[in-house]
Protein backbone atom coordinates (compact mmCIF):
# COMPACT_ATOMS: atom_id res chain seq x y z
CA MET A 1 88.51 89.07 74.93
CA SER A 2 85.10 87.54 74.30
CA PRO A 3 81.93 89.57 74.87
CA ASP A 4 80.88 87.15 77.67
CA ILE A 5 83.91 88.12 79.73
CA ILE A 6 83.14 91.85 79.55
CA PRO A 7 80.67 92.96 82.26
CA HIS A 8 77.29 94.06 80.97
CA TRP A 9 77.69 97.60 82.38
CA CYS A 10 80.66 98.12 80.06
CA ASP A 11 78.58 97.65 76.91
CA ALA A 12 77.39 101.27 76.61
CA PRO A 13 80.82 102.87 77.11
CA LEU A 14 82.33 100.41 74.66
CA ASP A 15 79.63 101.17 72.10
CA ILE A 16 80.30 104.89 72.51
CA LEU A 17 84.04 104.28 72.16
CA ILE A 18 83.48 102.30 68.97
CA MET A 19 81.30 105.06 67.53
CA ILE A 20 83.83 107.76 68.42
CA THR A 21 86.63 105.72 66.85
CA ALA A 22 84.59 105.19 63.69
CA ALA A 23 83.77 108.89 63.51
CA ALA A 24 87.42 109.73 64.06
CA ARG A 25 88.42 107.51 61.18
CA ASN A 26 85.72 108.61 58.75
CA GLY A 27 84.69 112.17 59.65
CA PHE A 28 86.38 115.56 59.29
CA PHE A 29 88.72 114.70 62.15
CA GLY A 30 89.13 111.24 60.81
CA ASN A 31 92.52 111.46 59.20
CA LEU A 32 94.48 110.20 62.17
CA PRO A 33 97.91 110.51 60.50
CA ILE A 34 97.34 114.22 59.90
CA LEU A 35 96.05 114.69 63.44
CA ALA A 36 99.25 113.05 64.67
CA LEU A 37 101.25 115.52 62.55
CA ALA A 38 99.18 118.37 64.02
CA LEU A 39 99.94 117.15 67.55
CA ALA A 40 103.65 117.17 66.76
CA SER A 41 103.27 120.66 65.28
CA PHE A 42 101.61 121.75 68.53
CA GLY A 43 104.59 120.56 70.55
CA ILE A 44 107.14 122.14 68.22
CA GLY A 45 105.26 125.44 68.13
CA THR A 46 104.96 125.49 71.93
CA THR A 47 108.67 124.98 72.56
CA GLU A 48 109.56 127.63 69.98
CA PHE A 49 107.38 130.43 71.31
CA VAL A 50 106.92 129.71 75.03
CA ILE A 51 110.41 131.00 75.86
CA MET A 52 109.17 134.57 75.25
CA GLY A 53 106.78 134.31 78.19
CA LEU A 54 109.50 132.86 80.41
CA LEU A 55 112.35 135.29 79.65
CA PRO A 56 112.33 137.06 83.05
CA ASP A 57 112.20 133.72 84.91
CA VAL A 58 115.01 132.19 82.85
CA ALA A 59 117.14 135.35 83.12
CA THR A 60 116.75 135.49 86.92
CA ASP A 61 117.37 131.78 87.46
CA LEU A 62 120.47 131.61 85.25
CA GLY A 63 121.85 135.02 86.27
CA VAL A 64 121.80 136.70 82.84
CA SER A 65 120.20 139.86 81.48
CA ILE A 66 116.88 139.81 79.63
CA PRO A 67 118.58 140.73 76.29
CA ASP A 68 120.96 137.78 76.82
CA ALA A 69 118.00 135.53 77.59
CA GLY A 70 116.39 136.86 74.40
CA LEU A 71 119.29 135.34 72.46
CA LEU A 72 117.79 131.94 73.30
CA VAL A 73 115.15 132.88 70.72
CA THR A 74 117.93 133.79 68.28
CA GLY A 75 119.77 130.52 68.91
CA TYR A 76 116.64 128.46 68.29
CA ALA A 77 115.81 130.35 65.11
CA LEU A 78 119.34 129.95 63.75
CA GLY A 79 119.15 126.24 64.56
CA VAL A 80 116.03 126.03 62.40
CA THR A 81 117.59 128.12 59.64
CA PHE A 82 120.73 126.04 59.27
CA GLY A 83 119.27 122.73 60.39
CA ALA A 84 116.42 122.71 57.84
CA PRO A 85 118.51 122.36 54.65
CA PHE A 86 120.96 119.97 56.35
CA LEU A 87 118.22 117.64 57.56
CA ALA A 88 116.29 117.99 54.29
CA ILE A 89 119.32 116.58 52.50
CA ALA A 90 120.08 114.00 55.21
CA THR A 91 116.52 112.60 55.10
CA SER A 92 115.89 112.97 51.36
CA LYS A 93 116.27 109.23 50.66
CA MET A 94 114.69 107.97 53.89
CA ASP A 95 111.25 106.48 54.26
CA ARG A 96 109.08 109.46 55.21
CA ARG A 97 107.66 107.76 58.31
CA HIS A 98 111.12 106.90 59.59
CA ALA A 99 112.33 110.44 58.88
CA LEU A 100 109.45 112.03 60.81
CA LEU A 101 110.00 109.72 63.78
CA MET A 102 113.73 110.52 63.76
CA LEU A 103 112.95 114.25 63.76
CA MET A 104 110.58 113.80 66.73
CA ALA A 105 113.32 111.91 68.58
CA ILE A 106 115.61 114.92 68.11
CA PHE A 107 112.81 117.17 69.38
CA ILE A 108 112.25 115.08 72.53
CA PHE A 109 115.98 114.81 73.28
CA GLY A 110 116.49 118.56 72.80
CA ASN A 111 113.69 119.49 75.19
CA PHE A 112 114.99 116.97 77.73
CA LEU A 113 118.34 118.78 77.59
CA CYS A 114 116.54 122.15 78.01
CA ALA A 115 114.82 120.92 81.17
CA MET A 116 118.11 119.60 82.59
CA ALA A 117 120.43 122.46 81.51
CA PRO A 118 122.34 123.76 84.58
CA ASP A 119 123.51 127.03 83.01
CA TYR A 120 122.84 129.52 80.21
CA TRP A 121 125.23 128.14 77.60
CA LEU A 122 124.05 124.55 77.97
CA LEU A 123 120.47 125.79 77.66
CA MET A 124 121.47 127.64 74.49
CA ALA A 125 123.04 124.46 73.07
CA ALA A 126 119.92 122.47 73.99
CA ARG A 127 117.68 125.01 72.24
CA VAL A 128 119.79 124.72 69.08
CA VAL A 129 119.58 120.91 69.18
CA THR A 130 115.79 121.13 69.59
CA ALA A 131 115.53 123.55 66.68
CA PHE A 132 117.26 121.25 64.23
CA CYS A 133 114.11 119.22 63.65
CA HIS A 134 111.77 122.22 63.23
CA GLY A 135 112.09 123.32 59.59
CA ALA A 136 112.58 119.81 58.23
CA PHE A 137 109.56 118.47 60.14
CA PHE A 138 107.20 121.16 58.87
CA GLY A 139 108.52 120.96 55.31
CA LEU A 140 108.38 117.16 55.20
CA GLY A 141 105.16 116.93 57.21
CA ALA A 142 103.32 119.24 54.84
CA VAL A 143 104.27 117.06 51.86
CA VAL A 144 103.27 113.87 53.68
CA ALA A 145 99.94 115.38 54.77
CA ALA A 146 99.15 116.42 51.20
CA ASN A 147 99.94 112.96 49.85
CA LEU A 148 97.76 111.18 52.41
CA VAL A 149 94.49 112.59 51.06
CA ALA A 150 92.69 112.98 47.75
CA PRO A 151 94.06 115.77 45.48
CA HIS A 152 91.06 118.04 46.12
CA LYS A 153 91.69 117.92 49.89
CA ARG A 154 95.42 118.60 49.97
CA VAL A 155 95.16 122.24 51.04
CA GLN A 156 92.79 121.24 53.85
CA ALA A 157 95.23 118.54 54.97
CA ILE A 158 98.15 120.99 55.13
CA ALA A 159 95.97 123.52 56.96
CA LEU A 160 94.94 120.87 59.49
CA MET A 161 98.55 119.97 60.15
CA PHE A 162 99.56 123.62 60.62
CA SER A 163 96.60 124.17 62.94
CA GLY A 164 98.82 122.58 65.58
CA LEU A 165 101.17 125.54 65.25
CA THR A 166 98.43 128.13 65.68
CA LEU A 167 96.94 126.19 68.60
CA ALA A 168 100.38 126.25 70.18
CA ASN A 169 100.09 130.03 70.30
CA VAL A 170 96.51 129.93 71.59
CA LEU A 171 96.95 127.18 74.22
CA GLY A 172 100.53 125.93 74.47
CA VAL A 173 102.29 129.27 74.98
CA PRO A 174 99.98 130.88 77.57
CA PHE A 175 99.49 127.68 79.58
CA GLY A 176 103.18 126.82 79.27
CA THR A 177 104.01 130.31 80.51
CA ALA A 178 101.60 129.94 83.45
CA LEU A 179 103.07 126.53 84.31
CA GLY A 180 106.60 127.90 84.21
CA GLN A 181 105.73 130.87 86.40
CA GLU A 182 104.05 128.66 88.99
CA LEU A 183 106.42 125.66 89.08
CA GLY A 184 109.60 127.03 87.49
CA TRP A 185 110.52 127.41 83.84
CA ARG A 186 111.99 123.89 83.66
CA SER A 187 108.57 122.38 84.30
CA THR A 188 107.40 123.84 80.99
CA PHE A 189 110.09 121.96 79.08
CA TRP A 190 109.26 118.74 80.95
CA ALA A 191 105.64 119.19 79.82
CA VAL A 192 106.82 119.66 76.22
CA VAL A 193 108.86 116.45 76.50
CA GLY A 194 105.62 114.69 77.44
CA ILE A 195 103.82 116.21 74.44
CA GLY A 196 106.69 115.10 72.20
CA VAL A 197 106.55 111.51 73.46
CA PHE A 198 102.78 111.41 72.99
CA ALA A 199 103.13 112.82 69.45
CA ALA A 200 105.86 110.32 68.57
CA VAL A 201 103.66 107.43 69.72
CA ALA A 202 100.76 108.84 67.69
CA LEU A 203 102.97 109.12 64.59
CA TYR A 204 104.29 105.59 65.08
CA PHE A 205 100.83 104.04 65.20
CA CYS A 206 98.92 106.36 62.83
CA LEU A 207 101.28 106.95 59.91
CA PRO A 208 101.26 104.36 57.11
CA ARG A 209 104.04 101.79 57.48
CA LYS A 210 105.64 102.69 54.16
CA ILE A 211 105.85 106.28 52.85
CA ALA A 212 108.45 106.27 50.09
CA ALA A 213 110.80 109.21 49.58
CA SER A 214 110.38 111.32 46.47
CA GLY A 215 112.67 110.56 43.58
CA GLY A 216 113.45 114.16 42.70
CA SER A 217 116.99 115.50 42.46
CA LEU A 218 117.98 117.94 45.18
CA ILE A 219 120.58 119.49 42.89
CA ALA A 220 117.95 120.24 40.23
CA GLU A 221 115.65 121.73 42.86
CA ALA A 222 118.46 123.83 44.31
CA ARG A 223 119.06 125.45 40.92
CA ALA A 224 115.42 126.55 40.79
CA LEU A 225 115.85 128.48 44.05
CA ALA A 226 118.28 130.92 42.46
CA LYS A 227 115.49 132.77 40.59
CA THR A 228 115.25 136.47 41.44
CA GLN A 229 111.63 136.33 42.54
CA VAL A 230 112.26 133.30 44.79
CA ILE A 231 115.07 135.21 46.51
CA PHE A 232 112.81 138.27 46.84
CA ALA A 233 110.03 136.14 48.33
CA MET A 234 112.29 134.56 50.93
CA ALA A 235 113.82 137.95 51.81
CA ILE A 236 110.31 139.31 52.44
CA SER A 237 109.60 136.28 54.67
CA VAL A 238 112.75 137.01 56.67
CA LEU A 239 111.81 140.69 57.13
CA ALA A 240 108.17 139.95 58.02
CA SER A 241 109.28 137.57 60.75
CA ALA A 242 112.03 139.92 61.97
CA SER A 243 109.46 142.70 62.33
CA MET A 244 107.29 140.51 64.54
CA PHE A 245 110.04 139.04 66.71
CA SER A 246 111.90 142.29 67.29
CA VAL A 247 108.84 143.17 69.40
CA PHE A 248 107.29 139.84 70.44
CA THR A 249 110.52 138.51 71.97
CA TYR A 250 110.34 141.23 74.61
CA ILE A 251 106.56 141.41 74.98
CA THR A 252 106.60 140.16 78.59
CA PRO A 253 108.95 142.83 80.01
CA MET A 254 107.25 145.44 77.80
CA LEU A 255 103.82 144.67 79.25
CA GLN A 256 105.13 144.38 82.79
CA ASN A 257 107.36 147.48 82.81
CA ILE A 258 105.43 149.89 80.57
CA THR A 259 101.80 148.74 80.60
CA GLY A 260 102.03 147.79 84.28
CA ILE A 261 100.32 144.40 84.24
CA SER A 262 101.34 141.42 86.36
CA ALA A 263 103.16 138.30 85.22
CA ARG A 264 99.93 136.31 85.62
CA GLN A 265 98.02 138.80 83.45
CA VAL A 266 100.66 138.50 80.72
CA THR A 267 99.49 134.89 80.28
CA TYR A 268 96.02 136.10 79.31
CA VAL A 269 97.46 138.67 76.91
CA LEU A 270 99.51 135.92 75.24
CA LEU A 271 96.34 133.84 74.99
CA LEU A 272 94.60 136.74 73.25
CA PHE A 273 97.60 137.23 70.97
CA GLY A 274 97.46 133.54 70.05
CA ALA A 275 93.77 133.91 69.21
CA GLY A 276 94.76 136.79 66.94
CA LEU A 277 97.34 134.59 65.21
CA THR A 278 94.69 131.92 64.61
CA ILE A 279 92.28 134.43 63.08
CA GLY A 280 95.12 135.91 61.04
CA ASN A 281 96.03 132.46 59.72
CA TYR A 282 92.46 132.03 58.44
CA ILE A 283 92.35 135.53 56.91
CA GLY A 284 95.77 135.05 55.34
CA GLY A 285 94.60 131.86 53.63
CA ARG A 286 91.66 133.72 52.12
CA LEU A 287 93.91 136.60 51.04
CA GLY A 288 96.28 134.12 49.39
CA ASP A 289 93.43 132.97 47.13
CA TRP A 290 92.67 136.59 46.21
CA ARG A 291 95.25 138.87 44.58
CA LEU A 292 98.41 137.61 46.22
CA MET A 293 100.96 140.43 46.01
CA PRO A 294 98.47 143.31 46.45
CA ALA A 295 97.22 141.54 49.57
CA ILE A 296 100.76 141.20 50.92
CA ILE A 297 101.52 144.86 50.23
CA ALA A 298 98.29 146.07 51.87
CA THR A 299 98.95 143.89 54.92
CA PHE A 300 102.42 145.36 55.37
CA VAL A 301 100.99 148.88 55.22
CA LEU A 302 98.48 147.94 57.92
CA LEU A 303 101.19 146.25 60.01
CA ILE A 304 103.37 149.38 60.00
CA ALA A 305 100.42 151.49 61.13
CA ILE A 306 99.52 149.08 63.96
CA LEU A 307 103.07 148.95 65.31
CA ALA A 308 103.21 152.75 65.28
CA VAL A 309 99.96 152.83 67.24
CA PHE A 310 101.28 150.21 69.68
CA ALA A 311 104.13 152.56 70.68
CA GLU A 312 101.42 154.95 71.95
CA THR A 313 98.82 152.55 73.35
CA ILE A 314 101.30 150.43 75.33
CA THR A 315 101.06 152.80 78.30
CA ASN A 316 97.37 151.97 78.92
CA VAL A 317 96.12 148.47 79.67
CA ILE A 318 92.95 148.20 77.57
CA PRO A 319 94.28 149.95 74.41
CA ALA A 320 97.56 148.00 74.70
CA VAL A 321 95.81 144.62 74.96
CA ALA A 322 93.49 145.48 72.05
CA THR A 323 96.48 146.51 69.93
CA VAL A 324 98.34 143.29 70.76
CA PHE A 325 95.35 141.28 69.50
CA VAL A 326 95.08 143.23 66.22
CA TRP A 327 98.85 143.04 65.78
CA GLY A 328 98.66 139.24 66.08
CA VAL A 329 95.92 139.08 63.43
CA VAL A 330 97.81 141.22 60.93
CA SER A 331 101.24 139.66 61.56
CA PHE A 332 100.10 136.09 60.95
CA ALA A 333 97.90 137.07 58.00
CA LEU A 334 101.20 137.41 56.11
CA VAL A 335 102.43 133.84 56.73
CA SER A 336 100.24 131.85 54.32
CA PRO A 337 100.47 134.35 51.43
CA LEU A 338 104.26 134.54 51.79
CA GLN A 339 104.50 130.74 51.84
CA MET A 340 102.34 130.63 48.70
CA ARG A 341 104.51 133.25 47.04
CA VAL A 342 107.68 131.20 47.58
CA VAL A 343 106.13 127.94 46.36
CA ASN A 344 104.53 129.66 43.34
CA GLU A 345 107.82 131.21 42.28
CA ALA A 346 109.80 127.98 42.84
CA THR A 347 107.56 125.74 40.75
CA GLU A 348 110.42 123.34 39.96
CA ALA A 349 111.31 122.91 43.65
CA PRO A 350 108.19 123.23 45.83
CA ASN A 351 109.34 120.76 48.50
CA LEU A 352 112.76 122.29 49.08
CA ALA A 353 111.36 125.80 48.78
CA SER A 354 108.72 125.03 51.43
CA THR A 355 111.37 123.74 53.82
CA LEU A 356 113.80 126.59 53.19
CA ASN A 357 111.08 129.20 53.67
CA GLN A 358 110.61 127.81 57.18
CA GLY A 359 114.29 128.55 57.62
CA ALA A 360 113.72 132.04 56.20
CA PHE A 361 110.97 132.75 58.73
CA ASN A 362 113.22 131.58 61.54
CA LEU A 363 116.17 133.58 60.28
CA GLY A 364 113.80 136.51 60.69
CA ASN A 365 112.96 135.31 64.21
CA ALA A 366 116.66 135.28 65.07
CA SER A 367 117.38 138.63 63.46
CA GLY A 368 114.39 140.29 65.07
CA ALA A 369 115.27 139.03 68.56
CA TRP A 370 118.87 140.11 68.03
CA PHE A 371 117.96 143.58 66.77
CA GLY A 372 115.56 144.04 69.67
CA GLY A 373 118.22 142.97 72.17
CA ILE A 374 120.76 145.37 70.66
CA ALA A 375 118.25 148.22 70.78
CA ILE A 376 117.49 147.60 74.46
CA THR A 377 121.19 147.28 75.30
CA GLN A 378 121.87 150.61 73.57
CA GLY A 379 119.25 152.34 75.69
CA VAL A 380 116.11 152.18 73.54
CA SER A 381 113.12 152.05 75.90
CA TYR A 382 110.64 149.19 75.83
CA GLN A 383 107.97 151.69 74.74
CA ASP A 384 109.91 152.53 71.57
CA ILE A 385 110.60 148.91 70.54
CA PRO A 386 107.44 148.79 68.33
CA TRP A 387 109.03 151.49 66.17
CA LEU A 388 111.87 149.06 65.43
CA GLY A 389 109.33 146.49 64.24
CA ALA A 390 107.62 149.14 62.11
CA GLY A 391 110.94 150.10 60.50
CA ILE A 392 111.72 146.51 59.56
CA ALA A 393 108.20 146.10 58.16
CA LEU A 394 108.78 149.22 56.05
CA ILE A 395 111.85 147.59 54.46
CA ALA A 396 109.77 144.48 53.77
CA LEU A 397 107.11 146.67 52.15
CA VAL A 398 109.73 148.17 49.81
CA PHE A 399 110.85 144.68 48.76
CA ALA A 400 107.24 143.57 48.25
CA VAL A 401 106.44 146.58 46.03
CA TRP A 402 109.68 146.05 44.09
CA SER A 403 108.85 142.36 43.53
CA HIS A 404 105.31 143.24 42.42
CA LEU A 405 106.65 145.79 39.93
CA ILE A 406 108.89 143.08 38.46
CA ASP A 407 105.78 140.92 38.04
CA ARG A 408 103.95 143.74 36.28
CA ARG A 409 106.94 144.40 34.02
CA ASP A 410 107.19 140.72 33.06
CA GLU A 411 103.44 140.53 32.40
CA ALA A 412 103.62 143.62 30.19
CA PHE A 413 106.56 142.12 28.29
CA ILE A 414 104.65 138.87 27.69
CA GLU A 415 101.57 140.76 26.51
CA THR A 416 103.67 142.89 24.13
CA ALA A 417 105.45 139.82 22.74
CA ALA A 418 102.10 138.04 22.27
CA SER A 419 100.52 140.98 20.44
CA ALA A 420 103.55 141.29 18.19
């Protein structure tokens, strides 16, 4: 369209649009491919976590108990755990852009099935289908993000992509919960379908047309994952996540039945919890650049103490809400250091290790939700559920100390051999 055809009053808005577009392409927020990846991460994170805020609504609508509804968290997490390595292998030779778009198609289709599911078991199957893309997308997306920027900006690129996941906890989960409570839980999944479509369009137009697959051998990388310290690191990731989800899965009925707050107020608590996760993500990144294993050990000690306190403060609104916020900070401060630990120990297989550690976190999600459901079914009160999370964190602390002692032993051996 020629400039003469455009009305004169459109000039200013068009100039502003041009400037915004230029800034978007050249400024801090200018890497549009990574922003597209972050948008997809936001959608995936929302659909993973929003079910916790909707458990009572889903349970009532489908005629199941809350512990049974909690298994929808377990099903999703197991889908991530077993889907990640399968899809990592299936997409290993694909163009990276095509692989990411295929994974988003799975995500959209799975959430469409969730919104349409007429009963509990079909909803469970739909959640598993949705989960299949999760681990592979984050593992592959992180590698793509790192390769799209200069070497000295790779960590920033990965952090920007994963900011979509933390924003999902700050915005997606509380607003998705509010939407589901007002218009029915299915409306939340329809909204996520819309986010997925928008993200897929953004990926289609923003990602480079050709992103070649890596030429590494999956068999050679798989051998590197058998190292003792890699196994220790992934086990700690599983336990850290299980500690969180044994409590967080049932946070809505806990706050409603013990703290005595309304369903609408739970939305604001989840928003505050998401803010805690975001702050914890930042702190965890800084801790990862400090002394890695001492930081992990100290964080676990603090996590155990906070969960023990939560079992007492949950009966009063203000202390309970404050504890939930601090718990979110400390819980997510472990994620980046644990991811670093796995990648550092699996130096010959960083890509596969990154993807599989996403599966490890989600295996912890599944285990934690399952343990929490069993505890409630066996008569453990909602007020005592934080003690279950503290116990799992204690086991993780033992593994972390054990792994650190192995490091110290190996360092001492190397120093002795060098001096000899």
